[in-house]
Amino acid sequence: MKISYWIDYNCPYCYLGISRLNKAIEKLKLDDVKIDTHSFELDPSAPKTCKSSTLDRFSKKYNMTEEDAQKEIDKITKWGVDDGLDMKYESCRFTNTRDAHRLSKLAIQSNNQEIINKFNNLLFEAYFSKNLELADKETLLEIAIEAGLDEKEVKEVLNTDKFNNEVELDERVALDTGIQGVPYFIFNNKYPIPGVLPSSEFVNVLKKIKFEEDFAKKINSKEQD
């Protein structure tokens, strides 16, 4: 089974979506899932250091009063906490994520699903739980090494523009596909699901696809007999 998704690492809905998807995969004990991660920067022009609070940024972005923005932030935080995540959304330090996305391409290049998954999870935890700046190169270096990537290769990416074209290609494909927000999931290249689903619905989607795959294998087996 192949699951492609477009994400940004400072997007709370992406954190929720990926967490719920992973729980659904674990619940069904699927061990043949290939995750194909694609980049989608919510704000390519975001600064390299944090310039504003989540409350200020949220209220301006969605043209809300601070009171209404705070209610939305609290609601999103509660969703994360209810899902078992250490979500500290209000105190997140929003910065540019281009370098994080470039490093995600190095993780993908490893062709090691465990490293890919761990790198993604560590980035989300760094932003939402530890409230670290994802544009900080030392932070990214530590995360990448902890995920299992080679230190020399990580430094090469961080000190050059390596994988920049790959990130931009992901975003052009998203644009051509009609993807306007994240998370955005595509299952087995034919079932698109925009946004966050409850864990139970992710389970239902995975069951349906697994049934189709098993049925197709039976048909092929009969045709070969």
Protein backbone atom coordinates (compact mmCIF):
# COMPACT_ATOMS: atom_id res chain seq x y z
CA MET A 1 0.00 0.00 0.00
CA LYS A 2 1.26 3.44 -0.90
CA ILE A 3 0.22 6.59 0.92
CA SER A 4 1.33 9.94 -0.47
CA TYR A 5 0.80 13.10 1.51
CA TRP A 6 1.64 16.78 1.32
CA ILE A 7 2.47 18.45 4.64
CA ASP A 8 4.11 21.39 6.32
CA TYR A 9 5.83 20.88 9.65
CA ASN A 10 4.34 23.95 11.33
CA CYS A 11 0.76 22.98 10.43
CA PRO A 12 -1.24 21.66 13.42
CA TYR A 13 -3.71 19.89 11.14
CA CYS A 14 -0.82 18.02 9.51
CA TYR A 15 0.44 16.91 12.92
CA LEU A 16 -3.04 15.70 13.83
CA GLY A 17 -3.56 14.02 10.47
CA ILE A 18 -0.26 12.16 10.40
CA SER A 19 -0.67 11.06 14.02
CA ARG A 20 -4.15 9.70 13.37
CA LEU A 21 -3.05 7.96 10.19
CA ASN A 22 -0.14 6.29 11.97
CA LYS A 23 -2.45 5.10 14.75
CA ALA A 24 -4.81 3.61 12.17
CA ILE A 25 -1.91 1.80 10.47
CA GLU A 26 -0.76 0.44 13.83
CA LYS A 27 -4.28 -0.63 14.80
CA LEU A 28 -4.66 -2.67 11.60
CA LYS A 29 -1.08 -3.97 11.97
CA LEU A 30 -0.22 -3.08 8.38
CA ASP A 31 3.43 -3.74 7.71
CA ASP A 32 3.53 -3.17 3.95
CA VAL A 33 2.78 0.57 3.86
CA LYS A 34 5.07 2.90 1.90
CA ILE A 35 4.82 6.53 2.96
CA ASP A 36 5.62 9.07 0.25
CA THR A 37 6.15 12.50 1.84
CA HIS A 38 5.76 15.67 -0.24
CA SER A 39 6.56 19.27 0.67
CA PHE A 40 4.05 22.09 0.92
CA GLU A 41 5.19 25.35 2.50
CA LEU A 42 2.24 27.24 3.94
CA ASP A 43 4.30 30.43 3.90
CA PRO A 44 7.44 30.27 1.71
CA SER A 45 8.23 33.86 2.72
CA ALA A 46 8.18 33.10 6.46
CA PRO A 47 11.14 34.61 8.38
CA LYS A 48 14.18 32.69 9.56
CA THR A 49 13.49 33.73 13.15
CA CYS A 50 10.17 34.02 14.97
CA LYS A 51 8.67 37.51 14.59
CA SER A 52 5.21 37.14 16.13
CA SER A 53 3.15 35.04 18.52
CA THR A 54 0.73 32.37 17.38
CA LEU A 55 -2.15 34.54 18.60
CA ASP A 56 -1.02 37.59 16.66
CA ARG A 57 -0.28 35.62 13.48
CA PHE A 58 -3.51 33.61 13.70
CA SER A 59 -5.73 36.67 14.20
CA LYS A 60 -4.11 38.56 11.29
CA LYS A 61 -4.09 35.58 8.92
CA TYR A 62 -7.76 34.79 9.41
CA ASN A 63 -8.89 38.38 10.10
CA MET A 64 -10.16 37.47 13.57
CA THR A 65 -10.37 39.34 16.84
CA GLU A 66 -7.79 38.18 19.36
CA GLU A 67 -10.59 36.68 21.44
CA ASP A 68 -11.89 34.57 18.55
CA ALA A 69 -8.36 33.62 17.51
CA GLN A 70 -7.60 32.46 21.05
CA LYS A 71 -10.71 30.26 21.01
CA GLU A 72 -9.54 28.61 17.77
CA ILE A 73 -6.02 28.10 19.11
CA ASP A 74 -7.42 26.54 22.29
CA LYS A 75 -9.69 24.29 20.23
CA ILE A 76 -6.83 23.05 18.06
CA THR A 77 -4.68 22.50 21.15
CA LYS A 78 -7.45 20.45 22.76
CA TRP A 79 -7.75 18.28 19.65
CA GLY A 80 -4.05 17.51 19.93
CA VAL A 81 -4.16 16.81 23.66
CA ASP A 82 -7.23 14.60 23.22
CA ASP A 83 -5.23 12.63 20.63
CA GLY A 84 -2.42 12.13 23.13
CA LEU A 85 -0.09 14.73 21.63
CA ASP A 86 1.93 17.17 23.71
CA MET A 87 0.47 20.12 21.82
CA LYS A 88 1.60 23.58 22.91
CA TYR A 89 0.25 25.47 19.92
CA GLU A 90 -0.06 28.90 21.52
CA SER A 91 3.64 29.13 22.30
CA CYS A 92 4.90 27.78 18.95
CA ARG A 93 7.65 29.81 17.26
CA PHE A 94 6.68 30.14 13.61
CA THR A 95 9.56 30.32 11.11
CA ASN A 96 10.50 29.28 7.59
CA THR A 97 10.43 25.51 6.91
CA ARG A 98 12.32 25.28 3.61
CA ASP A 99 15.45 23.75 5.19
CA ALA A 100 13.31 21.22 7.08
CA HIS A 101 11.68 20.19 3.80
CA ARG A 102 15.05 19.93 2.06
CA LEU A 103 16.24 17.61 4.82
CA SER A 104 13.08 15.54 4.42
CA LYS A 105 14.32 14.78 0.90
CA LEU A 106 17.57 13.46 2.36
CA ALA A 107 15.50 11.22 4.65
CA ILE A 108 13.52 9.98 1.66
CA GLN A 109 16.76 9.36 -0.24
CA SER A 110 17.77 6.93 2.54
CA ASN A 111 14.92 4.67 1.36
CA ASN A 112 14.44 3.75 5.00
CA GLN A 113 10.80 4.07 6.08
CA GLU A 114 11.73 4.07 9.77
CA ILE A 115 14.07 7.03 9.30
CA ILE A 116 11.49 8.92 7.22
CA ASN A 117 8.75 8.43 9.80
CA LYS A 118 11.02 9.28 12.73
CA PHE A 119 12.31 12.44 11.05
CA ASN A 120 8.78 13.67 10.35
CA ASN A 121 7.63 12.92 13.90
CA LEU A 122 10.65 14.60 15.48
CA LEU A 123 10.05 17.76 13.46
CA PHE A 124 6.43 17.93 14.58
CA GLU A 125 7.44 17.33 18.19
CA ALA A 126 10.17 19.95 18.00
CA TYR A 127 7.71 22.58 16.80
CA PHE A 128 4.53 21.77 18.70
CA SER A 129 5.88 20.24 21.93
CA LYS A 130 9.29 21.84 22.40
CA ASN A 131 8.39 25.07 20.57
CA LEU A 132 11.70 25.18 18.71
CA GLU A 133 12.30 27.24 15.57
CA LEU A 134 12.37 24.94 12.54
CA ALA A 135 14.55 27.36 10.61
CA ASP A 136 17.36 26.95 13.14
CA LYS A 137 20.10 24.86 11.54
CA GLU A 138 21.47 23.48 14.80
CA THR A 139 17.99 22.28 15.75
CA LEU A 140 17.56 20.64 12.35
CA LEU A 141 21.00 19.03 12.59
CA GLU A 142 20.18 17.46 15.95
CA ILE A 143 16.80 16.22 14.75
CA ALA A 144 18.22 14.72 11.56
CA ILE A 145 21.01 12.90 13.40
CA GLU A 146 18.56 11.58 16.00
CA ALA A 147 16.38 10.29 13.16
CA GLY A 148 19.33 8.30 11.85
CA LEU A 149 20.68 10.47 9.04
CA ASP A 150 24.41 10.86 8.40
CA GLU A 151 25.83 13.99 10.03
CA LYS A 152 28.11 14.84 7.10
CA GLU A 153 25.26 14.56 4.60
CA VAL A 154 22.96 16.62 6.80
CA LYS A 155 25.51 19.42 7.06
CA GLU A 156 26.00 19.36 3.29
CA VAL A 157 22.28 19.92 2.77
CA LEU A 158 22.09 22.67 5.38
CA ASN A 159 25.12 24.50 3.97
CA THR A 160 24.00 24.36 0.32
CA ASP A 161 20.78 24.59 -1.67
CA LYS A 162 20.67 20.82 -2.20
CA PHE A 163 17.14 19.40 -2.70
CA ASN A 164 15.76 22.89 -3.26
CA ASN A 165 14.52 21.89 -6.71
CA GLU A 166 12.86 18.78 -5.29
CA VAL A 167 10.91 20.82 -2.75
CA GLU A 168 9.79 23.28 -5.42
CA LEU A 169 8.78 20.41 -7.69
CA ASP A 170 6.55 19.00 -4.92
CA GLU A 171 4.84 22.35 -4.64
CA ARG A 172 4.36 22.71 -8.40
CA VAL A 173 2.82 19.22 -8.52
CA ALA A 174 0.52 20.20 -5.65
CA LEU A 175 -0.55 23.30 -7.56
CA ASP A 176 -1.13 21.32 -10.75
CA THR A 177 -3.09 18.71 -8.79
CA GLY A 178 -5.33 21.37 -7.29
CA ILE A 179 -4.01 20.99 -3.75
CA GLN A 180 -4.60 24.27 -1.93
CA GLY A 181 -4.09 23.23 1.67
CA VAL A 182 -2.54 20.55 3.82
CA PRO A 183 -2.60 17.85 4.93
CA TYR A 184 -3.57 16.21 1.66
CA PHE A 185 -3.51 12.42 1.34
CA ILE A 186 -3.62 10.19 -1.73
CA PHE A 187 -4.01 6.45 -1.15
CA ASN A 188 -2.63 4.08 -3.80
CA ASN A 189 -2.50 6.93 -6.33
CA LYS A 190 -6.30 7.01 -6.71
CA TYR A 191 -8.07 7.95 -3.46
CA PRO A 192 -7.51 11.61 -2.53
CA ILE A 193 -8.46 12.80 0.96
CA PRO A 194 -7.98 16.48 1.78
CA GLY A 195 -7.75 17.52 5.41
CA VAL A 196 -7.88 15.64 8.68
CA LEU A 197 -10.04 12.59 9.28
CA PRO A 198 -10.97 11.06 12.64
CA SER A 199 -8.84 7.99 13.40
CA SER A 200 -11.86 5.72 12.86
CA GLU A 201 -12.34 7.03 9.32
CA PHE A 202 -8.66 6.50 8.52
CA VAL A 203 -9.16 2.91 9.68
CA ASN A 204 -12.13 2.51 7.34
CA VAL A 205 -10.18 3.90 4.39
CA LEU A 206 -7.25 1.59 5.05
CA LYS A 207 -9.57 -1.43 5.42
CA LYS A 208 -11.18 -0.68 2.07
CA ILE A 209 -7.86 -0.37 0.30
CA LYS A 210 -6.47 -3.49 1.97
CA PHE A 211 -9.58 -5.41 0.88
CA GLU A 212 -9.09 -4.23 -2.71
CA GLU A 213 -5.43 -5.23 -2.66
CA ASP A 214 -6.17 -8.70 -1.22
CA PHE A 215 -8.99 -9.23 -3.73
CA ALA A 216 -6.73 -8.23 -6.63
CA LYS A 217 -4.07 -10.68 -5.43
CA LYS A 218 -6.65 -13.51 -5.35
CA ILE A 219 -7.79 -12.72 -8.88
CA ASN A 220 -4.23 -12.66 -10.16
CA SER A 221 -3.47 -15.91 -8.40
CA LYS A 222 -6.47 -17.62 -10.01
CA GLU A 223 -5.52 -16.32 -13.44
CA GLN A 224 -2.03 -17.76 -13.07
CA ASP A 225 -3.30 -21.21 -11.98
